[in-house]
Amino acid sequence: QVQLVESGGGLVQAGGSLRLSCAASGLTFGNYAMGWFRQAPGKEREFVAAISWSGASTNFPSTRYADSVKGRFTISRDNAKNTVYLQMNSLKPEDTAVYYCAADRWGLGATSGYDYWGQGTQVTVSS
């Protein structure tokens, strides 16, 4: 079955960096757009970033970011490792949340409608 396993979360001071990883199995990874979402306590889950499936464009996969993380977060994928990454720089206390990765078959990097979800990894940013 499909499994998405996030890792790399933790406690970091404001201004610091973390890199999240999401290892996928049970699917043809290159055929899936991958997304990162987050949910803070008492709030709804929100879109963070997404990267299209590998064949979506003739050059590099396209990416999309929430306005709140543009210029600070970078999503990337390594199809050889079946892994998607989220590099998070200049972290702020408001970035504190559980971060989830998700997979969307033949997706172009949408903000919703994903097929599979991981269990999440906690990111806590102290002020």
Foldseek 3Di string as FASTA:
>chain_A
DKAWAKDFADEEAAQAKIKMKIAIDDDQLLQKKKFKWWDDPPGDIWGAKIWFRQVPDPDGTDMDGDPVQPPFWDWDDDSVRNMIMIIGGRDDQVVWTWMKMFIAGRDNIDGDDTDDIHPTDTHGYHD
